[in-house]
Amino acid sequence: MFIQKFNVNFKSLNTLELQNVKFIGLFCYNINKSSS
């Protein structure tokens, strides 16, 4: 359900929001990588 909602929101994102999502995703990925 969350994934579906995310996909719908993802399609409606503009370029700036998309860049923010990528940045946040990369940031979270780095935190997870360094913590494990």
PDB file of N, CA and C in Angstrom:
ATOM      1  N   MET A   1       0.838  -1.204   0.000  1.00  0.00           N
ATOM      2  CA  MET A   1       0.000   0.000   0.000  1.00  0.00           C
ATOM      3  C   MET A   1       0.873   1.255   0.000  1.00  0.00           C
ATOM      4  N   PHE A   2       1.892   1.251   0.859  1.00  0.00           N
ATOM      5  CA  PHE A   2       2.795   2.408   0.912  1.00  0.00           C
ATOM      6  C   PHE A   2       3.546   2.569  -0.412  1.00  0.00           C
ATOM      7  N   ILE A   3       3.990   1.437  -0.959  1.00  0.00           N
ATOM      8  CA  ILE A   3       4.729   1.474  -2.225  1.00  0.00           C
ATOM      9  C   ILE A   3       3.842   2.040  -3.334  1.00  0.00           C
ATOM     10  N   GLN A   4       2.577   1.581  -3.371  1.00  0.00           N
ATOM     11  CA  GLN A   4       1.643   2.060  -4.385  1.00  0.00           C
ATOM     12  C   GLN A   4       1.462   3.570  -4.270  1.00  0.00           C
ATOM     13  N   LYS A   5       1.250   4.034  -3.054  1.00  0.00           N
ATOM     14  CA  LYS A   5       1.056   5.463  -2.809  1.00  0.00           C
ATOM     15  C   LYS A   5       2.307   6.236  -3.224  1.00  0.00           C
ATOM     16  N   PHE A   6       3.462   5.683  -2.914  1.00  0.00           N
ATOM     17  CA  PHE A   6       4.726   6.325  -3.258  1.00  0.00           C
ATOM     18  C   PHE A   6       4.886   6.437  -4.773  1.00  0.00           C
ATOM     19  N   ASN A   7       4.508   5.366  -5.497  1.00  0.00           N
ATOM     20  CA  ASN A   7       4.622   5.376  -6.950  1.00  0.00           C
ATOM     21  C   ASN A   7       3.750   6.456  -7.570  1.00  0.00           C
ATOM     22  N   VAL A   8       2.532   6.617  -7.049  1.00  0.00           N
ATOM     23  CA  VAL A   8       1.625   7.650  -7.557  1.00  0.00           C
ATOM     24  C   VAL A   8       2.221   9.032  -7.310  1.00  0.00           C
ATOM     25  N   ASN A   9       2.730   9.245  -6.107  1.00  0.00           N
ATOM     26  CA  ASN A   9       3.348  10.527  -5.780  1.00  0.00           C
ATOM     27  C   ASN A   9       4.611  10.749  -6.609  1.00  0.00           C
ATOM     28  N   PHE A  10       5.333   9.674  -6.844  1.00  0.00           N
ATOM     29  CA  PHE A  10       6.589   9.736  -7.587  1.00  0.00           C
ATOM     30  C   PHE A  10       6.352  10.241  -9.006  1.00  0.00           C
ATOM     31  N   LYS A  11       5.261   9.770  -9.629  1.00  0.00           N
ATOM     32  CA  LYS A  11       4.954  10.177 -10.996  1.00  0.00           C
ATOM     33  C   LYS A  11       4.584  11.651 -11.075  1.00  0.00           C
ATOM     34  N   SER A  12       4.027  12.193  -9.997  1.00  0.00           N
ATOM     35  CA  SER A  12       3.561  13.581 -10.018  1.00  0.00           C
ATOM     36  C   SER A  12       4.607  14.573  -9.506  1.00  0.00           C
ATOM     37  N   LEU A  13       5.766  14.063  -9.129  1.00  0.00           N
ATOM     38  CA  LEU A  13       6.821  14.956  -8.632  1.00  0.00           C
ATOM     39  C   LEU A  13       7.374  15.833  -9.750  1.00  0.00           C
ATOM     40  N   ASN A  14       7.729  17.063  -9.391  1.00  0.00           N
ATOM     41  CA  ASN A  14       8.438  17.889 -10.368  1.00  0.00           C
ATOM     42  C   ASN A  14       9.940  17.651 -10.213  1.00  0.00           C
ATOM     43  N   THR A  15      10.733  18.283 -11.042  1.00  0.00           N
ATOM     44  CA  THR A  15      12.167  17.986 -11.078  1.00  0.00           C
ATOM     45  C   THR A  15      12.869  18.303  -9.768  1.00  0.00           C
ATOM     46  N   LEU A  16      12.524  19.437  -9.164  1.00  0.00           N
ATOM     47  CA  LEU A  16      13.175  19.842  -7.918  1.00  0.00           C
ATOM     48  C   LEU A  16      12.874  18.848  -6.806  1.00  0.00           C
ATOM     49  N   GLU A  17      11.615  18.435  -6.707  1.00  0.00           N
ATOM     50  CA  GLU A  17      11.237  17.464  -5.680  1.00  0.00           C
ATOM     51  C   GLU A  17      11.935  16.137  -5.937  1.00  0.00           C
ATOM     52  N   LEU A  18      12.072  15.774  -7.208  1.00  0.00           N
ATOM     53  CA  LEU A  18      12.737  14.520  -7.562  1.00  0.00           C
ATOM     54  C   LEU A  18      14.188  14.546  -7.106  1.00  0.00           C
ATOM     55  N   GLN A  19      14.853  15.681  -7.277  1.00  0.00           N
ATOM     56  CA  GLN A  19      16.241  15.813  -6.828  1.00  0.00           C
ATOM     57  C   GLN A  19      16.326  15.687  -5.316  1.00  0.00           C
ATOM     58  N   ASN A  20      15.341  16.256  -4.610  1.00  0.00           N
ATOM     59  CA  ASN A  20      15.326  16.166  -3.153  1.00  0.00           C
ATOM     60  C   ASN A  20      15.139  14.730  -2.704  1.00  0.00           C
ATOM     61  N   VAL A  21      14.263  14.001  -3.394  1.00  0.00           N
ATOM     62  CA  VAL A  21      14.025  12.595  -3.060  1.00  0.00           C
ATOM     63  C   VAL A  21      15.294  11.781  -3.267  1.00  0.00           C
ATOM     64  N   LYS A  22      15.980  12.036  -4.365  1.00  0.00           N
ATOM     65  CA  LYS A  22      17.243  11.333  -4.644  1.00  0.00           C
ATOM     66  C   LYS A  22      18.269  11.628  -3.562  1.00  0.00           C
ATOM     67  N   PHE A  23      18.366  12.898  -3.168  1.00  0.00           N
ATOM     68  CA  PHE A  23      19.338  13.308  -2.161  1.00  0.00           C
ATOM     69  C   PHE A  23      19.033  12.650  -0.823  1.00  0.00           C
ATOM     70  N   ILE A  24      17.757  12.674  -0.428  1.00  0.00           N
ATOM     71  CA  ILE A  24      17.352  12.067   0.846  1.00  0.00           C
ATOM     72  C   ILE A  24      17.579  10.556   0.801  1.00  0.00           C
ATOM     73  N   GLY A  25      17.254   9.947  -0.328  1.00  0.00           N
ATOM     74  CA  GLY A  25      17.451   8.511  -0.482  1.00  0.00           C
ATOM     75  C   GLY A  25      18.922   8.137  -0.367  1.00  0.00           C
ATOM     76  N   LEU A  26      19.771   8.924  -0.999  1.00  0.00           N
ATOM     77  CA  LEU A  26      21.214   8.680  -0.957  1.00  0.00           C
ATOM     78  C   LEU A  26      21.742   8.885   0.455  1.00  0.00           C
ATOM     79  N   PHE A  27      21.228   9.917   1.132  1.00  0.00           N
ATOM     80  CA  PHE A  27      21.629  10.223   2.500  1.00  0.00           C
ATOM     81  C   PHE A  27      21.268   9.075   3.436  1.00  0.00           C
ATOM     82  N   CYS A  28      20.029   8.587   3.317  1.00  0.00           N
ATOM     83  CA  CYS A  28      19.575   7.470   4.160  1.00  0.00           C
ATOM     84  C   CYS A  28      20.372   6.210   3.848  1.00  0.00           C
ATOM     85  N   TYR A  29      20.676   6.002   2.559  1.00  0.00           N
ATOM     86  CA  TYR A  29      21.444   4.832   2.145  1.00  0.00           C
ATOM     87  C   TYR A  29      22.828   4.858   2.788  1.00  0.00           C
ATOM     88  N   ASN A  30      23.462   6.021   2.787  1.00  0.00           N
ATOM     89  CA  ASN A  30      24.797   6.155   3.380  1.00  0.00           C
ATOM     90  C   ASN A  30      24.760   5.918   4.879  1.00  0.00           C
ATOM     91  N   ILE A  31      23.715   6.399   5.551  1.00  0.00           N
ATOM     92  CA  ILE A  31      23.582   6.188   7.000  1.00  0.00           C
ATOM     93  C   ILE A  31      23.420   4.696   7.291  1.00  0.00           C
ATOM     94  N   ASN A  32      22.560   4.041   6.507  1.00  0.00           N
ATOM     95  CA  ASN A  32      22.336   2.608   6.712  1.00  0.00           C
ATOM     96  C   ASN A  32      23.612   1.816   6.446  1.00  0.00           C
ATOM     97  N   LYS A  33      24.357   2.231   5.435  1.00  0.00           N
ATOM     98  CA  LYS A  33      25.581   1.535   5.056  1.00  0.00           C
ATOM     99  C   LYS A  33      26.635   1.673   6.156  1.00  0.00           C
ATOM    100  N   SER A  34      26.747   2.864   6.721  1.00  0.00           N
ATOM    101  CA  SER A  34      27.786   3.104   7.722  1.00  0.00           C
ATOM    102  C   SER A  34      27.415   2.517   9.081  1.00  0.00           C
ATOM    103  N   SER A  35      26.112   2.345   9.335  1.00  0.00           N
ATOM    104  CA  SER A  35      25.684   1.833  10.640  1.00  0.00           C
ATOM    105  C   SER A  35      25.777   0.316  10.710  1.00  0.00           C
ATOM    106  N   SER A  36      25.704  -0.347   9.560  1.00  0.00           N
ATOM    107  CA  SER A  36      25.719  -1.815   9.566  1.00  0.00           C
ATOM    108  C   SER A  36      27.134  -2.376   9.463  1.00  0.00           C
TER     109      SER A  36
END
